[in-house]
Protein backbone atom coordinates (compact mmCIF):
# COMPACT_ATOMS: atom_id res chain seq x y z
CA MET A 1 54.40 152.77 -5.81
CA PRO A 2 53.87 153.80 -9.45
CA ARG A 3 51.53 156.71 -9.94
CA LEU A 4 48.61 157.06 -12.30
CA ILE A 5 49.25 159.59 -15.03
CA GLU A 6 46.75 160.91 -17.52
CA PRO A 7 47.64 159.73 -21.04
CA GLU A 8 48.25 163.31 -22.24
CA GLY A 9 50.86 163.95 -19.55
CA ARG A 10 52.43 160.50 -19.48
CA THR A 11 54.86 161.03 -22.34
CA GLU A 12 55.91 164.44 -21.04
CA THR A 13 56.54 162.99 -17.58
CA VAL A 14 58.54 160.09 -18.98
CA VAL A 15 60.61 162.32 -21.31
CA ASP A 16 61.35 164.71 -18.43
CA ALA A 17 62.54 161.73 -16.38
CA MET A 18 64.70 160.53 -19.29
CA ASN A 19 66.29 163.97 -19.68
CA TYR A 20 66.98 164.16 -15.97
CA LEU A 21 68.63 160.73 -16.06
CA LEU A 22 70.71 161.67 -19.11
CA SER A 23 71.88 164.87 -17.41
CA ARG A 24 72.69 163.13 -14.17
CA ASP A 25 73.98 159.72 -15.26
CA GLY A 26 74.73 159.98 -18.96
CA ALA A 27 73.70 157.43 -21.55
CA ALA A 28 74.48 154.48 -19.27
CA GLY A 29 71.75 155.61 -16.87
CA LEU A 30 69.00 155.33 -19.46
CA THR A 31 67.69 151.87 -18.65
CA LEU A 32 64.03 150.93 -18.74
CA ARG A 33 64.17 150.27 -15.01
CA SER A 34 65.72 153.67 -14.22
CA ILE A 35 63.21 155.46 -16.48
CA ALA A 36 60.37 153.68 -14.67
CA ARG A 37 61.80 154.50 -11.26
CA GLU A 38 62.45 158.19 -12.06
CA SER A 39 59.09 158.76 -13.77
CA ARG A 40 57.29 156.64 -11.18
CA VAL A 41 55.58 154.74 -13.98
CA SER A 42 55.85 150.95 -13.84
CA THR A 43 58.11 149.15 -16.31
CA GLY A 44 55.10 147.16 -17.48
CA SER A 45 53.16 150.34 -18.16
CA LEU A 46 56.10 151.78 -20.12
CA LEU A 47 56.30 148.66 -22.25
CA HIS A 48 52.53 148.58 -22.70
CA HIS A 49 52.32 152.21 -23.87
CA TYR A 50 55.58 152.53 -25.82
CA GLY A 51 56.29 148.96 -26.95
CA SER A 52 60.02 148.92 -26.33
CA ARG A 53 62.89 150.87 -24.82
CA GLU A 54 64.12 151.72 -28.33
CA HIS A 55 60.79 153.28 -29.29
CA LEU A 56 60.69 155.19 -26.01
CA VAL A 57 64.22 156.47 -26.61
CA ARG A 58 63.28 157.69 -30.10
CA ILE A 59 60.27 159.50 -28.64
CA GLY A 60 62.47 161.08 -25.96
CA ALA A 61 65.08 162.27 -28.46
CA ASN A 62 62.43 163.63 -30.81
CA ARG A 63 60.50 165.50 -28.12
CA THR A 64 63.66 166.89 -26.55
CA GLY A 65 65.01 168.05 -29.91
CA ARG A 66 61.72 169.64 -30.94
CA ALA A 67 61.43 171.43 -27.58
CA ARG A 68 64.98 172.70 -28.01
CA LEU A 69 64.21 173.99 -31.50
CA ARG A 70 61.08 175.78 -30.20
CA ALA A 71 63.09 177.40 -27.41
CA ILE A 72 65.77 178.53 -29.87
CA ASP A 73 63.16 179.89 -32.25
CA LEU A 74 61.47 181.85 -29.45
CA GLY A 75 64.77 183.16 -28.09
CA ALA A 76 66.29 184.05 -31.46
CA ALA A 77 64.36 187.31 -31.80
CA ARG A 78 65.78 188.47 -28.48
CA ASP A 79 69.21 186.78 -28.40
CA GLY A 80 70.09 186.12 -32.05
CA VAL A 81 72.62 183.33 -32.46
CA ALA A 82 73.13 183.18 -28.67
CA ALA A 83 69.72 181.50 -28.42
CA PHE A 84 71.48 178.29 -29.49
CA LEU A 85 73.30 178.22 -26.12
CA PRO A 86 71.86 177.55 -22.66
CA GLY A 87 70.19 180.57 -21.08
CA VAL A 88 71.85 182.70 -18.45
CA ASP A 89 70.55 181.89 -14.95
CA ASP A 90 68.22 179.18 -16.29
CA ALA A 91 68.79 175.89 -14.45
CA GLU A 92 66.11 174.07 -16.46
CA ASP A 93 67.66 175.18 -19.76
CA LEU A 94 71.04 173.97 -18.51
CA LEU A 95 69.58 170.57 -17.61
CA THR A 96 67.93 170.32 -21.04
CA ALA A 97 71.18 171.32 -22.76
CA GLY A 98 73.07 168.63 -20.85
CA ALA A 99 70.44 166.07 -21.80
CA TRP A 100 70.58 167.16 -25.45
CA LEU A 101 74.36 166.66 -25.46
CA THR A 102 73.82 163.10 -24.24
CA TRP A 103 71.15 162.52 -26.90
CA LEU A 104 73.79 163.61 -29.44
CA ASP A 105 76.26 161.18 -27.87
CA LEU A 106 73.70 158.38 -28.19
CA TRP A 107 73.09 159.45 -31.80
CA ARG A 108 76.67 158.46 -32.62
CA VAL A 109 76.25 154.88 -31.40
CA ASP A 110 72.54 154.04 -31.53
CA GLU A 111 71.42 153.26 -35.07
CA SER A 112 67.74 153.61 -34.13
CA LEU A 113 68.27 157.29 -33.25
CA ARG A 114 70.02 158.29 -36.47
CA THR A 115 66.96 159.31 -38.48
CA THR A 116 65.29 161.08 -35.55
CA ILE A 117 68.28 163.19 -34.57
CA ASP A 118 69.44 163.75 -38.16
CA ARG A 119 66.07 165.40 -38.79
CA ILE A 120 66.40 167.59 -35.69
CA ARG A 121 69.97 168.58 -36.63
CA ASP A 122 68.83 169.50 -40.17
CA GLN A 123 66.11 171.72 -38.72
CA GLU A 124 68.65 173.23 -36.33
CA LEU A 125 70.91 174.08 -39.28
CA MET A 126 68.01 175.68 -41.16
CA LEU A 127 67.11 177.70 -38.07
CA LEU A 128 70.73 178.81 -37.66
CA ALA A 129 70.83 179.98 -41.28
CA GLN A 130 67.57 181.84 -40.74
CA VAL A 131 68.84 183.54 -37.56
CA LEU A 132 72.03 184.58 -39.35
CA GLY A 133 70.11 185.71 -42.41
CA VAL A 134 72.09 183.49 -44.78
CA ARG A 135 70.91 181.09 -47.42
CA LEU A 136 71.57 177.51 -46.37
CA GLY A 137 74.28 176.16 -48.65
CA SER A 138 75.74 179.57 -49.44
CA VAL A 139 77.84 179.49 -46.27
CA ASP A 140 79.29 176.41 -44.57
CA LEU A 141 77.75 176.57 -41.10
CA THR A 142 79.32 173.30 -39.92
CA PRO A 143 82.17 175.06 -38.05
CA LEU A 144 79.66 177.33 -36.31
CA VAL A 145 77.54 174.33 -35.28
CA ALA A 146 80.70 172.71 -33.90
CA LEU A 147 81.49 175.88 -31.95
CA ILE A 148 77.95 175.99 -30.54
CA ASP A 149 78.18 172.32 -29.51
CA GLY A 150 81.61 172.90 -27.94
CA LEU A 151 80.46 175.95 -26.01
CA THR A 152 77.40 174.02 -24.81
CA ILE A 153 79.68 171.24 -23.58
CA ALA A 154 81.83 173.82 -21.75
CA VAL A 155 78.77 175.41 -20.13
CA CYS A 156 77.44 172.00 -19.03
CA ALA A 157 80.79 170.75 -17.69
CA PRO A 158 80.40 169.19 -14.22
CA THR A 159 83.52 170.94 -12.90
CA GLY A 160 84.70 174.41 -13.81
CA PRO A 161 81.90 175.16 -16.27
CA LEU A 162 82.05 178.15 -18.57
CA ALA A 163 79.53 180.79 -17.53
CA PRO A 164 76.60 180.88 -19.98
CA ALA A 165 76.95 184.66 -20.37
CA ARG A 166 80.61 184.26 -21.33
CA ALA A 167 79.77 181.49 -23.80
CA ARG A 168 77.22 183.77 -25.43
CA GLU A 169 79.79 186.59 -25.65
CA LEU A 170 82.30 184.26 -27.29
CA LEU A 171 79.75 183.01 -29.82
CA ARG A 172 78.65 186.53 -30.75
CA ALA A 173 82.27 187.63 -31.09
CA HIS A 174 83.07 184.69 -33.35
CA VAL A 175 80.09 185.38 -35.59
CA ASN A 176 80.92 189.09 -35.77
CA LEU A 177 84.58 188.36 -36.59
CA ASN A 178 83.79 185.75 -39.23
CA PRO A 179 83.84 187.80 -42.43
CA VAL A 180 81.61 185.49 -44.49
CA VAL A 181 78.89 185.13 -41.86
CA ALA A 182 79.11 188.74 -40.60
CA ARG A 183 78.95 190.14 -44.14
CA THR A 184 75.83 188.17 -45.08
CA SER A 185 74.18 188.14 -41.66
CA LYS A 186 71.15 190.34 -40.96
CA GLN A 187 71.20 190.04 -37.16
CA VAL A 188 73.59 188.11 -34.93
CA SER A 189 73.14 189.63 -31.50
């Protein structure tokens, strides 16, 4: 039976359910019915409060991306560039990272998500430049973003995943060996 959720916690509960479904089942598992079942909120209630699956998906992507940016920002002082990768011994961070990868996969094919995730990715790039101590535009950070995404995929792999600590070591080593980034970077570790 669907549960009653206070309006303030409803969206958080639904987004958590969406991220769990994305981590477990991928994009194909993100149906209105599965979201309702996992969040234990009726389909009718979801439609009443969010209007449509597309609107709900945009909310989920936005909230997940913003939460990820906050976590990176908080971790950057301690971990430097490694804060862009899932945390060591942090199962929740790993689940969120896997969900974020699926949001990025949906971004490629779902036109309604383009603006939402483009905005998050732009903020991520600005945060990366800030963490590295470089001026955005003075260094092409696209290869580094691709490396971060690739290492995140390797860490979240369902079989034979790369250990998060090893992924962080590899990222730090790459940044330290990259002469343009290392030369202009204030703090990378």
